[in-house]
Amino acid sequence: HTYVNLAPVEEGIILYPDLVKVKIDNESGQVIGFDSAHHAYNHRKRNLQKPTISENEARSNLSVEPIAEGRLTLIPDGGGQNETLCYEYQCEKEGTYFVYIDAKTGAETEILYVIDDVDQGQSLM
């Protein structure tokens, strides 16, 4: 099976709290599973803030060299009660990581390791 994560984009910002997950059968290409609970519970009109630091300033706070440009994301934190505007960077160091730098403070807020399993597809979050 292949798992596909879909996140809406508003004002150029990826909204991870509103994630929709789709499970696809590799043989038939048919959708065999669907989870939209995050979207149903979290999607709302947001007053999206502008970052206070530049993408270059955020990049300078990374401890690992990114392999792609940073992109603006909104990520859940605090048990899903709060959301943080971040720059997301894909990095490689003995595996693939996504590192999140707070777009207001420049602090590293989250690191996610990509699990790639041939039998289970790829899970990014």
PDB file of N, CA and C in Angstrom:
ATOM      1  N   HIS A   1       0.832  -1.186   0.000  1.00  0.00           N
ATOM      2  CA  HIS A   1       0.000   0.000   0.000  1.00  0.00           C
ATOM      3  C   HIS A   1       0.873   1.244   0.000  1.00  0.00           C
ATOM      4  N   THR A   2       0.325   2.288  -0.571  1.00  0.00           N
ATOM      5  CA  THR A   2       0.985   3.587  -0.563  1.00  0.00           C
ATOM      6  C   THR A   2       0.121   4.553   0.223  1.00  0.00           C
ATOM      7  N   TYR A   3       0.772   5.333   1.067  1.00  0.00           N
ATOM      8  CA  TYR A   3       0.074   6.332   1.868  1.00  0.00           C
ATOM      9  C   TYR A   3       0.412   7.706   1.313  1.00  0.00           C
ATOM     10  N   VAL A   4      -0.598   8.510   1.061  1.00  0.00           N
ATOM     11  CA  VAL A   4      -0.412   9.854   0.522  1.00  0.00           C
ATOM     12  C   VAL A   4      -1.002  10.847   1.521  1.00  0.00           C
ATOM     13  N   ASN A   5      -0.188  11.821   1.926  1.00  0.00           N
ATOM     14  CA  ASN A   5      -0.645  12.884   2.818  1.00  0.00           C
ATOM     15  C   ASN A   5      -0.933  14.124   1.981  1.00  0.00           C
ATOM     16  N   LEU A   6      -2.104  14.698   2.163  1.00  0.00           N
ATOM     17  CA  LEU A   6      -2.511  15.893   1.429  1.00  0.00           C
ATOM     18  C   LEU A   6      -2.780  17.011   2.423  1.00  0.00           C
ATOM     19  N   ALA A   7      -2.192  18.166   2.174  1.00  0.00           N
ATOM     20  CA  ALA A   7      -2.397  19.308   3.061  1.00  0.00           C
ATOM     21  C   ALA A   7      -2.794  20.515   2.214  1.00  0.00           C
ATOM     22  N   PRO A   8      -3.813  21.254   2.642  1.00  0.00           N
ATOM     23  CA  PRO A   8      -4.198  22.456   1.894  1.00  0.00           C
ATOM     24  C   PRO A   8      -3.126  23.535   2.026  1.00  0.00           C
ATOM     25  N   VAL A   9      -3.130  24.456   1.074  1.00  0.00           N
ATOM     26  CA  VAL A   9      -2.203  25.589   1.083  1.00  0.00           C
ATOM     27  C   VAL A   9      -3.028  26.864   1.008  1.00  0.00           C
ATOM     28  N   GLU A  10      -2.787  27.774   1.957  1.00  0.00           N
ATOM     29  CA  GLU A  10      -3.436  29.079   1.956  1.00  0.00           C
ATOM     30  C   GLU A  10      -2.366  30.151   2.035  1.00  0.00           C
ATOM     31  N   GLU A  11      -2.460  31.119   1.168  1.00  0.00           N
ATOM     32  CA  GLU A  11      -1.501  32.233   1.154  1.00  0.00           C
ATOM     33  C   GLU A  11      -0.062  31.729   1.097  1.00  0.00           C
ATOM     34  N   GLY A  12       0.153  30.620   0.386  1.00  0.00           N
ATOM     35  CA  GLY A  12       1.486  30.052   0.240  1.00  0.00           C
ATOM     36  C   GLY A  12       1.977  29.283   1.447  1.00  0.00           C
ATOM     37  N   ILE A  13       1.117  29.037   2.428  1.00  0.00           N
ATOM     38  CA  ILE A  13       1.493  28.334   3.656  1.00  0.00           C
ATOM     39  C   ILE A  13       0.820  26.961   3.680  1.00  0.00           C
ATOM     40  N   ILE A  14       1.613  25.905   3.865  1.00  0.00           N
ATOM     41  CA  ILE A  14       1.080  24.545   3.963  1.00  0.00           C
ATOM     42  C   ILE A  14       0.444  24.384   5.335  1.00  0.00           C
ATOM     43  N   LEU A  15      -0.801  23.927   5.376  1.00  0.00           N
ATOM     44  CA  LEU A  15      -1.551  23.802   6.636  1.00  0.00           C
ATOM     45  C   LEU A  15      -1.566  22.345   7.109  1.00  0.00           C
ATOM     46  N   TYR A  16      -0.521  21.929   7.812  1.00  0.00           N
ATOM     47  CA  TYR A  16      -0.440  20.551   8.284  1.00  0.00           C
ATOM     48  C   TYR A  16      -1.512  20.170   9.303  1.00  0.00           C
ATOM     49  N   PRO A  17      -2.049  21.096  10.122  1.00  0.00           N
ATOM     50  CA  PRO A  17      -3.117  20.680  11.033  1.00  0.00           C
ATOM     51  C   PRO A  17      -4.368  20.174  10.294  1.00  0.00           C
ATOM     52  N   ASP A  18      -4.521  20.536   9.017  1.00  0.00           N
ATOM     53  CA  ASP A  18      -5.690  20.162   8.218  1.00  0.00           C
ATOM     54  C   ASP A  18      -5.405  18.972   7.303  1.00  0.00           C
ATOM     55  N   LEU A  19      -4.428  18.174   7.637  1.00  0.00           N
ATOM     56  CA  LEU A  19      -3.964  17.060   6.814  1.00  0.00           C
ATOM     57  C   LEU A  19      -5.064  16.032   6.529  1.00  0.00           C
ATOM     58  N   VAL A  20      -5.073  15.533   5.297  1.00  0.00           N
ATOM     59  CA  VAL A  20      -5.938  14.429   4.878  1.00  0.00           C
ATOM     60  C   VAL A  20      -5.012  13.296   4.437  1.00  0.00           C
ATOM     61  N   LYS A  21      -5.273  12.076   4.921  1.00  0.00           N
ATOM     62  CA  LYS A  21      -4.439  10.920   4.592  1.00  0.00           C
ATOM     63  C   LYS A  21      -5.235   9.957   3.713  1.00  0.00           C
ATOM     64  N   VAL A  22      -4.581   9.492   2.639  1.00  0.00           N
ATOM     65  CA  VAL A  22      -5.227   8.580   1.704  1.00  0.00           C
ATOM     66  C   VAL A  22      -4.358   7.328   1.560  1.00  0.00           C
ATOM     67  N   LYS A  23      -5.001   6.156   1.608  1.00  0.00           N
ATOM     68  CA  LYS A  23      -4.298   4.873   1.464  1.00  0.00           C
ATOM     69  C   LYS A  23      -4.697   4.280   0.108  1.00  0.00           C
ATOM     70  N   ILE A  24      -3.680   3.950  -0.709  1.00  0.00           N
ATOM     71  CA  ILE A  24      -3.920   3.463  -2.068  1.00  0.00           C
ATOM     72  C   ILE A  24      -3.344   2.058  -2.209  1.00  0.00           C
ATOM     73  N   ASP A  25      -4.112   1.176  -2.834  1.00  0.00           N
ATOM     74  CA  ASP A  25      -3.652  -0.182  -3.126  1.00  0.00           C
ATOM     75  C   ASP A  25      -2.669  -0.116  -4.291  1.00  0.00           C
ATOM     76  N   ASN A  26      -1.472  -0.647  -4.106  1.00  0.00           N
ATOM     77  CA  ASN A  26      -0.445  -0.587  -5.148  1.00  0.00           C
ATOM     78  C   ASN A  26      -0.806  -1.392  -6.386  1.00  0.00           C
ATOM     79  N   GLU A  27      -1.524  -2.475  -6.231  1.00  0.00           N
ATOM     80  CA  GLU A  27      -1.863  -3.336  -7.370  1.00  0.00           C
ATOM     81  C   GLU A  27      -2.938  -2.702  -8.261  1.00  0.00           C
ATOM     82  N   SER A  28      -4.017  -2.245  -7.641  1.00  0.00           N
ATOM     83  CA  SER A  28      -5.153  -1.747  -8.425  1.00  0.00           C
ATOM     84  C   SER A  28      -5.153  -0.235  -8.617  1.00  0.00           C
ATOM     85  N   GLY A  29      -4.417   0.477  -7.767  1.00  0.00           N
ATOM     86  CA  GLY A  29      -4.433   1.933  -7.827  1.00  0.00           C
ATOM     87  C   GLY A  29      -5.679   2.533  -7.194  1.00  0.00           C
ATOM     88  N   GLN A  30      -6.480   1.696  -6.557  1.00  0.00           N
ATOM     89  CA  GLN A  30      -7.726   2.149  -5.939  1.00  0.00           C
ATOM     90  C   GLN A  30      -7.474   2.718  -4.541  1.00  0.00           C
ATOM     91  N   VAL A  31      -8.266   3.709  -4.176  1.00  0.00           N
ATOM     92  CA  VAL A  31      -8.234   4.243  -2.819  1.00  0.00           C
ATOM     93  C   VAL A  31      -8.912   3.222  -1.919  1.00  0.00           C
ATOM     94  N   ILE A  32      -8.201   2.772  -0.885  1.00  0.00           N
ATOM     95  CA  ILE A  32      -8.763   1.765   0.021  1.00  0.00           C
ATOM     96  C   ILE A  32      -8.887   2.279   1.452  1.00  0.00           C
ATOM     97  N   GLY A  33      -8.439   3.493   1.681  1.00  0.00           N
ATOM     98  CA  GLY A  33      -8.568   4.083   3.003  1.00  0.00           C
ATOM     99  C   GLY A  33      -8.458   5.586   2.918  1.00  0.00           C
ATOM    100  N   PHE A  34      -9.077   6.245   3.896  1.00  0.00           N
ATOM    101  CA  PHE A  34      -9.144   7.699   3.858  1.00  0.00           C
ATOM    102  C   PHE A  34      -9.343   8.200   5.280  1.00  0.00           C
ATOM    103  N   ASP A  35      -8.526   9.147   5.715  1.00  0.00           N
ATOM    104  CA  ASP A  35      -8.679   9.723   7.046  1.00  0.00           C
ATOM    105  C   ASP A  35      -8.682  11.236   6.919  1.00  0.00           C
ATOM    106  N   SER A  36      -9.835  11.837   7.152  1.00  0.00           N
ATOM    107  CA  SER A  36      -9.948  13.292   7.071  1.00  0.00           C
ATOM    108  C   SER A  36     -10.299  13.903   8.427  1.00  0.00           C
ATOM    109  N   ALA A  37     -10.056  13.158   9.500  1.00  0.00           N
ATOM    110  CA  ALA A  37     -10.405  13.639  10.841  1.00  0.00           C
ATOM    111  C   ALA A  37      -9.684  14.941  11.180  1.00  0.00           C
ATOM    112  N   HIS A  38      -8.393  15.030  10.851  1.00  0.00           N
ATOM    113  CA  HIS A  38      -7.646  16.259  11.147  1.00  0.00           C
ATOM    114  C   HIS A  38      -8.266  17.450  10.425  1.00  0.00           C
ATOM    115  N   HIS A  39      -8.629  17.255   9.175  1.00  0.00           N
ATOM    116  CA  HIS A  39      -9.247  18.335   8.404  1.00  0.00           C
ATOM    117  C   HIS A  39     -10.599  18.707   9.006  1.00  0.00           C
ATOM    118  N   ALA A  40     -11.391  17.712   9.354  1.00  0.00           N
ATOM    119  CA  ALA A  40     -12.728  17.971   9.910  1.00  0.00           C
ATOM    120  C   ALA A  40     -12.651  18.720  11.239  1.00  0.00           C
ATOM    121  N   TYR A  41     -11.693  18.351  12.083  1.00  0.00           N
ATOM    122  CA  TYR A  41     -11.585  18.971  13.408  1.00  0.00           C
ATOM    123  C   TYR A  41     -10.867  20.323  13.394  1.00  0.00           C
ATOM    124  N   ASN A  42      -9.909  20.489  12.471  1.00  0.00           N
ATOM    125  CA  ASN A  42      -9.027  21.652  12.540  1.00  0.00           C
ATOM    126  C   ASN A  42      -9.275  22.739  11.506  1.00  0.00           C
ATOM    127  N   HIS A  43      -9.890  22.397  10.364  1.00  0.00           N
ATOM    128  CA  HIS A  43     -10.008  23.394   9.298  1.00  0.00           C
ATOM    129  C   HIS A  43     -10.951  24.521   9.706  1.00  0.00           C
ATOM    130  N   ARG A  44     -10.453  25.735   9.549  1.00  0.00           N
ATOM    131  CA  ARG A  44     -11.236  26.919   9.868  1.00  0.00           C
ATOM    132  C   ARG A  44     -10.591  28.120   9.183  1.00  0.00           C
ATOM    133  N   LYS A  45     -11.267  29.220   9.221  1.00  0.00           N
ATOM    134  CA  LYS A  45     -10.684  30.464   8.718  1.00  0.00           C
ATOM    135  C   LYS A  45      -9.618  30.902   9.711  1.00  0.00           C
ATOM    136  N   ARG A  46      -8.406  31.125   9.214  1.00  0.00           N
ATOM    137  CA  ARG A  46      -7.287  31.519  10.069  1.00  0.00           C
ATOM    138  C   ARG A  46      -6.812  32.917   9.685  1.00  0.00           C
ATOM    139  N   ASN A  47      -6.313  33.627  10.654  1.00  0.00           N
ATOM    140  CA  ASN A  47      -5.642  34.889  10.419  1.00  0.00           C
ATOM    141  C   ASN A  47      -4.152  34.566  10.347  1.00  0.00           C
ATOM    142  N   LEU A  48      -3.692  34.199   9.152  1.00  0.00           N
ATOM    143  CA  LEU A  48      -2.311  33.756   8.991  1.00  0.00           C
ATOM    144  C   LEU A  48      -1.358  34.946   9.069  1.00  0.00           C
ATOM    145  N   GLN A  49      -0.399  34.856   9.974  1.00  0.00           N
ATOM    146  CA  GLN A  49       0.584  35.912  10.189  1.00  0.00           C
ATOM    147  C   GLN A  49       1.682  35.822   9.135  1.00  0.00           C
ATOM    148  N   LYS A  50       2.364  36.900   8.938  1.00  0.00           N
ATOM    149  CA  LYS A  50       3.550  36.914   8.073  1.00  0.00           C
ATOM    150  C   LYS A  50       4.759  36.576   8.945  1.00  0.00           C
ATOM    151  N   PRO A  51       5.772  35.926   8.369  1.00  0.00           N
ATOM    152  CA  PRO A  51       6.967  35.615   9.157  1.00  0.00           C
ATOM    153  C   PRO A  51       7.697  36.902   9.548  1.00  0.00           C
ATOM    154  N   THR A  52       8.360  36.871  10.684  1.00  0.00           N
ATOM    155  CA  THR A  52       9.147  38.032  11.109  1.00  0.00           C
ATOM    156  C   THR A  52      10.626  37.854  10.783  1.00  0.00           C
ATOM    157  N   ILE A  53      11.023  36.626  10.447  1.00  0.00           N
ATOM    158  CA  ILE A  53      12.400  36.407   9.985  1.00  0.00           C
ATOM    159  C   ILE A  53      12.338  35.903   8.548  1.00  0.00           C
ATOM    160  N   SER A  54      13.408  36.137   7.806  1.00  0.00           N
ATOM    161  CA  SER A  54      13.462  35.705   6.414  1.00  0.00           C
ATOM    162  C   SER A  54      13.797  34.219   6.329  1.00  0.00           C
ATOM    163  N   GLU A  55      13.598  33.672   5.151  1.00  0.00           N
ATOM    164  CA  GLU A  55      13.947  32.270   4.919  1.00  0.00           C
ATOM    165  C   GLU A  55      15.449  32.076   5.114  1.00  0.00           C
ATOM    166  N   ASN A  56      16.267  33.049   4.682  1.00  0.00           N
ATOM    167  CA  ASN A  56      17.725  32.951   4.863  1.00  0.00           C
ATOM    168  C   ASN A  56      18.108  32.967   6.333  1.00  0.00           C
ATOM    169  N   GLU A  57      17.439  33.789   7.144  1.00  0.00           N
ATOM    170  CA  GLU A  57      17.713  33.817   8.585  1.00  0.00           C
ATOM    171  C   GLU A  57      17.344  32.479   9.216  1.00  0.00           C
ATOM    172  N   ALA A  58      16.205  31.926   8.821  1.00  0.00           N
ATOM    173  CA  ALA A  58      15.795  30.620   9.357  1.00  0.00           C
ATOM    174  C   ALA A  58      16.795  29.546   8.950  1.00  0.00           C
ATOM    175  N   ARG A  59      17.221  29.565   7.701  1.00  0.00           N
ATOM    176  CA  ARG A  59      18.186  28.571   7.192  1.00  0.00           C
ATOM    177  C   ARG A  59      19.484  28.605   8.001  1.00  0.00           C
ATOM    178  N   SER A  60      19.903  29.793   8.410  1.00  0.00           N
ATOM    179  CA  SER A  60      21.165  29.911   9.156  1.00  0.00           C
ATOM    180  C   SER A  60      21.087  29.258  10.535  1.00  0.00           C
ATOM    181  N   ASN A  61      19.875  28.947  11.016  1.00  0.00           N
ATOM    182  CA  ASN A  61      19.708  28.303  12.320  1.00  0.00           C
ATOM    183  C   ASN A  61      19.675  26.784  12.242  1.00  0.00           C
ATOM    184  N   LEU A  62      19.815  26.234  11.041  1.00  0.00           N
ATOM    185  CA  LEU A  62      19.812  24.775  10.883  1.00  0.00           C
ATOM    186  C   LEU A  62      21.157  24.187  11.290  1.00  0.00           C
ATOM    187  N   SER A  63      21.112  23.036  11.951  1.00  0.00           N
ATOM    188  CA  SER A  63      22.346  22.345  12.321  1.00  0.00           C
ATOM    189  C   SER A  63      22.789  21.378  11.226  1.00  0.00           C
ATOM    190  N   VAL A  64      21.911  21.135  10.235  1.00  0.00           N
ATOM    191  CA  VAL A  64      22.191  20.233   9.119  1.00  0.00           C
ATOM    192  C   VAL A  64      21.892  21.003   7.834  1.00  0.00           C
ATOM    193  N   GLU A  65      22.705  20.791   6.804  1.00  0.00           N
ATOM    194  CA  GLU A  65      22.504  21.485   5.534  1.00  0.00           C
ATOM    195  C   GLU A  65      21.237  20.966   4.840  1.00  0.00           C
ATOM    196  N   PRO A  66      20.323  21.853   4.458  1.00  0.00           N
ATOM    197  CA  PRO A  66      19.102  21.419   3.770  1.00  0.00           C
ATOM    198  C   PRO A  66      19.396  21.054   2.320  1.00  0.00           C
ATOM    199  N   ILE A  67      18.530  20.197   1.738  1.00  0.00           N
ATOM    200  CA  ILE A  67      18.688  19.819   0.334  1.00  0.00           C
ATOM    201  C   ILE A  67      17.669  20.542  -0.545  1.00  0.00           C
ATOM    202  N   ALA A  68      16.830  21.369   0.067  1.00  0.00           N
ATOM    203  CA  ALA A  68      15.824  22.110  -0.692  1.00  0.00           C
ATOM    204  C   ALA A  68      15.574  23.449   0.003  1.00  0.00           C
ATOM    205  N   GLU A  69      14.965  24.366  -0.725  1.00  0.00           N
ATOM    206  CA  GLU A  69      14.592  25.661  -0.159  1.00  0.00           C
ATOM    207  C   GLU A  69      13.581  25.462   0.962  1.00  0.00           C
ATOM    208  N   GLY A  70      13.583  26.379   1.915  1.00  0.00           N
ATOM    209  CA  GLY A  70      12.589  26.342   2.978  1.00  0.00           C
ATOM    210  C   GLY A  70      11.232  26.772   2.450  1.00  0.00           C
ATOM    211  N   ARG A  71      10.184  26.196   3.020  1.00  0.00           N
ATOM    212  CA  ARG A  71       8.827  26.604   2.637  1.00  0.00           C
ATOM    213  C   ARG A  71       8.024  26.847   3.901  1.00  0.00           C
ATOM    214  N   LEU A  72       7.093  27.805   3.812  1.00  0.00           N
ATOM    215  CA  LEU A  72       6.293  28.159   4.980  1.00  0.00           C
ATOM    216  C   LEU A  72       5.241  27.101   5.262  1.00  0.00           C
ATOM    217  N   THR A  73       5.131  26.740   6.536  1.00  0.00           N
ATOM    218  CA  THR A  73       4.160  25.745   6.972  1.00  0.00           C
ATOM    219  C   THR A  73       3.535  26.196   8.282  1.00  0.00           C
ATOM    220  N   LEU A  74       2.356  25.695   8.534  1.00  0.00           N
ATOM    221  CA  LEU A  74       1.724  25.845   9.838  1.00  0.00           C
ATOM    222  C   LEU A  74       1.705  24.457  10.439  1.00  0.00           C
ATOM    223  N   ILE A  75       2.314  24.296  11.626  1.00  0.00           N
ATOM    224  CA  ILE A  75       2.372  22.974  12.241  1.00  0.00           C
ATOM    225  C   ILE A  75       1.662  23.009  13.591  1.00  0.00           C
ATOM    226  N   PRO A  76       1.061  21.875  13.976  1.00  0.00           N
ATOM    227  CA  PRO A  76       0.431  21.810  15.301  1.00  0.00           C
ATOM    228  C   PRO A  76       1.502  21.662  16.372  1.00  0.00           C
ATOM    229  N   ASP A  77       1.226  22.196  17.549  1.00  0.00           N
ATOM    230  CA  ASP A  77       2.105  21.984  18.699  1.00  0.00           C
ATOM    231  C   ASP A  77       1.267  22.019  19.968  1.00  0.00           C
ATOM    232  N   GLY A  78       1.879  21.726  21.077  1.00  0.00           N
ATOM    233  CA  GLY A  78       1.150  21.756  22.344  1.00  0.00           C
ATOM    234  C   GLY A  78      -0.029  20.807  22.386  1.00  0.00           C
ATOM    235  N   GLY A  79       0.146  19.592  21.864  1.00  0.00           N
ATOM    236  CA  GLY A  79      -0.938  18.627  21.876  1.00  0.00           C
ATOM    237  C   GLY A  79      -2.067  18.986  20.925  1.00  0.00           C
ATOM    238  N   GLY A  80      -1.753  19.777  19.895  1.00  0.00           N
ATOM    239  CA  GLY A  80      -2.758  20.148  18.905  1.00  0.00           C
ATOM    240  C   GLY A  80      -3.572  21.368  19.290  1.00  0.00           C
ATOM    241  N   GLN A  81      -3.282  21.966  20.447  1.00  0.00           N
ATOM    242  CA  GLN A  81      -4.035  23.135  20.898  1.00  0.00           C
ATOM    243  C   GLN A  81      -3.547  24.425  20.243  1.00  0.00           C
ATOM    244  N   ASN A  82      -2.286  24.464  19.848  1.00  0.00           N
ATOM    245  CA  ASN A  82      -1.695  25.653  19.254  1.00  0.00           C
ATOM    246  C   ASN A  82      -1.120  25.317  17.888  1.00  0.00           C
ATOM    247  N   GLU A  83      -0.823  26.348  17.125  1.00  0.00           N
ATOM    248  CA  GLU A  83      -0.208  26.185  15.813  1.00  0.00           C
ATOM    249  C   GLU A  83       0.940  27.174  15.703  1.00  0.00           C
ATOM    250  N   THR A  84       2.004  26.755  14.997  1.00  0.00           N
ATOM    251  CA  THR A  84       3.184  27.594  14.849  1.00  0.00           C
ATOM    252  C   THR A  84       3.523  27.737  13.372  1.00  0.00           C
ATOM    253  N   LEU A  85       3.746  28.968  12.944  1.00  0.00           N
ATOM    254  CA  LEU A  85       4.214  29.238  11.589  1.00  0.00           C
ATOM    255  C   LEU A  85       5.708  28.948  11.542  1.00  0.00           C
ATOM    256  N   CYS A  86       6.108  28.081  10.617  1.00  0.00           N
ATOM    257  CA  CYS A  86       7.502  27.648  10.536  1.00  0.00           C
ATOM    258  C   CYS A  86       7.985  27.619   9.094  1.00  0.00           C
ATOM    259  N   TYR A  87       9.300  27.620   8.963  1.00  0.00           N
ATOM    260  CA  TYR A  87       9.926  27.249   7.699  1.00  0.00           C
ATOM    261  C   TYR A  87      10.258  25.772   7.807  1.00  0.00           C
ATOM    262  N   GLU A  88       9.908  25.017   6.787  1.00  0.00           N
ATOM    263  CA  GLU A  88      10.180  23.578   6.748  1.00  0.00           C
ATOM    264  C   GLU A  88      11.354  23.331   5.821  1.00  0.00           C
ATOM    265  N   TYR A  89      12.312  22.545   6.293  1.00  0.00           N
ATOM    266  CA  TYR A  89      13.483  22.192   5.490  1.00  0.00           C
ATOM    267  C   TYR A  89      13.642  20.687   5.434  1.00  0.00           C
ATOM    268  N   GLN A  90      13.846  20.178   4.230  1.00  0.00           N
ATOM    269  CA  GLN A  90      14.190  18.769   4.076  1.00  0.00           C
ATOM    270  C   GLN A  90      15.710  18.681   4.157  1.00  0.00           C
ATOM    271  N   CYS A  91      16.205  17.812   5.040  1.00  0.00           N
ATOM    272  CA  CYS A  91      17.637  17.667   5.277  1.00  0.00           C
ATOM    273  C   CYS A  91      18.021  16.193   5.184  1.00  0.00           C
ATOM    274  N   GLU A  92      19.278  15.949   4.831  1.00  0.00           N
ATOM    275  CA  GLU A  92      19.803  14.583   4.754  1.00  0.00           C
ATOM    276  C   GLU A  92      21.024  14.463   5.656  1.00  0.00           C
ATOM    277  N   LYS A  93      20.983  13.517   6.567  1.00  0.00           N
ATOM    278  CA  LYS A  93      22.139  13.160   7.391  1.00  0.00           C
ATOM    279  C   LYS A  93      21.853  11.795   7.994  1.00  0.00           C
ATOM    280  N   GLU A  94      22.383  10.760   7.357  1.00  0.00           N
ATOM    281  CA  GLU A  94      22.090   9.388   7.760  1.00  0.00           C
ATOM    282  C   GLU A  94      20.591   9.129   7.736  1.00  0.00           C
ATOM    283  N   GLY A  95      19.934   9.659   6.745  1.00  0.00           N
ATOM    284  CA  GLY A  95      18.492   9.544   6.576  1.00  0.00           C
ATOM    285  C   GLY A  95      17.902  10.893   6.204  1.00  0.00           C
ATOM    286  N   THR A  96      16.611  10.894   5.968  1.00  0.00           N
ATOM    287  CA  THR A  96      15.918  12.124   5.594  1.00  0.00           C
ATOM    288  C   THR A  96      15.154  12.662   6.791  1.00  0.00           C
ATOM    289  N   TYR A  97      15.277  13.961   7.005  1.00  0.00           N
ATOM    290  CA  TYR A  97      14.613  14.646   8.103  1.00  0.00           C
ATOM    291  C   TYR A  97      13.893  15.874   7.574  1.00  0.00           C
ATOM    292  N   PHE A  98      12.830  16.254   8.251  1.00  0.00           N
ATOM    293  CA  PHE A  98      12.206  17.548   8.036  1.00  0.00           C
ATOM    294  C   PHE A  98      12.412  18.336   9.324  1.00  0.00           C
ATOM    295  N   VAL A  99      13.042  19.491   9.191  1.00  0.00           N
ATOM    296  CA  VAL A  99      13.350  20.343  10.338  1.00  0.00           C
ATOM    297  C   VAL A  99      12.488  21.598  10.221  1.00  0.00           C
ATOM    298  N   TYR A 100      11.876  21.998  11.332  1.00  0.00           N
ATOM    299  CA  TYR A 100      10.975  23.144  11.365  1.00  0.00           C
ATOM    300  C   TYR A 100      11.573  24.252  12.223  1.00  0.00           C
ATOM    301  N   ILE A 101      11.726  25.433  11.604  1.00  0.00           N
ATOM    302  CA  ILE A 101      12.268  26.610  12.272  1.00  0.00           C
ATOM    303  C   ILE A 101      11.138  27.627  12.423  1.00  0.00           C
ATOM    304  N   ASP A 102      10.882  28.063  13.655  1.00  0.00           N
ATOM    305  CA  ASP A 102       9.824  29.038  13.938  1.00  0.00           C
ATOM    306  C   ASP A 102      10.065  30.298  13.114  1.00  0.00           C
ATOM    307  N   ALA A 103       9.062  30.723  12.352  1.00  0.00           N
ATOM    308  CA  ALA A 103       9.198  31.863  11.442  1.00  0.00           C
ATOM    309  C   ALA A 103       9.144  33.199  12.162  1.00  0.00           C
ATOM    310  N   LYS A 104       8.915  33.184  13.469  1.00  0.00           N
ATOM    311  CA  LYS A 104       8.936  34.421  14.261  1.00  0.00           C
ATOM    312  C   LYS A 104      10.204  34.529  15.086  1.00  0.00           C
ATOM    313  N   THR A 105      10.607  33.415  15.715  1.00  0.00           N
ATOM    314  CA  THR A 105      11.729  33.455  16.657  1.00  0.00           C
ATOM    315  C   THR A 105      13.030  32.903  16.091  1.00  0.00           C
ATOM    316  N   GLY A 106      12.944  32.068  15.059  1.00  0.00           N
ATOM    317  CA  GLY A 106      14.130  31.409  14.519  1.00  0.00           C
ATOM    318  C   GLY A 106      14.528  30.160  15.276  1.00  0.00           C
ATOM    319  N   ALA A 107      13.752  29.786  16.297  1.00  0.00           N
ATOM    320  CA  ALA A 107      14.064  28.591  17.092  1.00  0.00           C
ATOM    321  C   ALA A 107      13.645  27.323  16.356  1.00  0.00           C
ATOM    322  N   GLU A 108      14.409  26.272  16.538  1.00  0.00           N
ATOM    323  CA  GLU A 108      14.042  24.966  15.998  1.00  0.00           C
ATOM    324  C   GLU A 108      12.875  24.433  16.832  1.00  0.00           C
ATOM    325  N   THR A 109      11.762  24.093  16.181  1.00  0.00           N
ATOM    326  CA  THR A 109      10.577  23.675  16.928  1.00  0.00           C
ATOM    327  C   THR A 109      10.263  22.194  16.797  1.00  0.00           C
ATOM    328  N   GLU A 110      10.699  21.575  15.705  1.00  0.00           N
ATOM    329  CA  GLU A 110      10.319  20.176  15.470  1.00  0.00           C
ATOM    330  C   GLU A 110      11.315  19.564  14.496  1.00  0.00           C
ATOM    331  N   ILE A 111      11.584  18.259  14.685  1.00  0.00           N
ATOM    332  CA  ILE A 111      12.359  17.472  13.726  1.00  0.00           C
ATOM    333  C   ILE A 111      11.583  16.183  13.500  1.00  0.00           C
ATOM    334  N   LEU A 112      11.305  15.870  12.242  1.00  0.00           N
ATOM    335  CA  LEU A 112      10.609  14.629  11.901  1.00  0.00           C
ATOM    336  C   LEU A 112      11.510  13.774  11.021  1.00  0.00           C
ATOM    337  N   TYR A 113      11.635  12.503  11.363  1.00  0.00           N
ATOM    338  CA  TYR A 113      12.434  11.544  10.601  1.00  0.00           C
ATOM    339  C   TYR A 113      11.526  10.803   9.628  1.00  0.00           C
ATOM    340  N   VAL A 114      11.940  10.703   8.372  1.00  0.00           N
ATOM    341  CA  VAL A 114      11.153  10.012   7.350  1.00  0.00           C
ATOM    342  C   VAL A 114      11.412   8.516   7.442  1.00  0.00           C
ATOM    343  N   ILE A 115      10.322   7.758   7.600  1.00  0.00           N
ATOM    344  CA  ILE A 115      10.402   6.300   7.634  1.00  0.00           C
ATOM    345  C   ILE A 115       9.997   5.804   6.261  1.00  0.00           C
ATOM    346  N   ASP A 116      10.897   5.097   5.602  1.00  0.00           N
ATOM    347  CA  ASP A 116      10.633   4.586   4.260  1.00  0.00           C
ATOM    348  C   ASP A 116      10.679   3.073   4.321  1.00  0.00           C
ATOM    349  N   ASP A 117       9.520   2.446   4.196  1.00  0.00           N
ATOM    350  CA  ASP A 117       9.398   0.995   4.278  1.00  0.00           C
ATOM    351  C   ASP A 117       8.742   0.516   2.994  1.00  0.00           C
ATOM    352  N   VAL A 118       9.454  -0.294   2.219  1.00  0.00           N
ATOM    353  CA  VAL A 118       8.967  -0.746   0.921  1.00  0.00           C
ATOM    354  C   VAL A 118       7.605  -1.411   1.044  1.00  0.00           C
ATOM    355  N   ASP A 119       7.370  -2.185   2.102  1.00  0.00           N
ATOM    356  CA  ASP A 119       6.097  -2.881   2.253  1.00  0.00           C
ATOM    357  C   ASP A 119       4.968  -1.958   2.694  1.00  0.00           C
ATOM    358  N   GLN A 120       5.274  -0.878   3.371  1.00  0.00           N
ATOM    359  CA  GLN A 120       4.250  -0.018   3.943  1.00  0.00           C
ATOM    360  C   GLN A 120       4.145   1.354   3.267  1.00  0.00           C
ATOM    361  N   GLY A 121       4.933   1.611   2.218  1.00  0.00           N
ATOM    362  CA  GLY A 121       4.882   2.939   1.604  1.00  0.00           C
ATOM    363  C   GLY A 121       5.805   3.884   2.332  1.00  0.00           C
ATOM    364  N   GLN A 122       5.546   5.164   2.214  1.00  0.00           N
ATOM    365  CA  GLN A 122       6.406   6.154   2.838  1.00  0.00           C
ATOM    366  C   GLN A 122       5.571   7.024   3.755  1.00  0.00           C
ATOM    367  N   SER A 123       6.040   7.206   4.974  1.00  0.00           N
ATOM    368  CA  SER A 123       5.344   8.038   5.944  1.00  0.00           C
ATOM    369  C   SER A 123       6.179   9.263   6.215  1.00  0.00           C
ATOM    370  N   LEU A 124       5.639  10.444   5.913  1.00  0.00           N
ATOM    371  CA  LEU A 124       6.373  11.680   6.141  1.00  0.00           C
ATOM    372  C   LEU A 124       5.992  12.342   7.437  1.00  0.00           C
ATOM    373  N   MET A 125       4.862  12.005   8.023  1.00  0.00           N
ATOM    374  CA  MET A 125       4.442  12.661   9.260  1.00  0.00           C
ATOM    375  C   MET A 125       3.650  11.702  10.084  1.00  0.00           C
TER     376      MET A 125
END
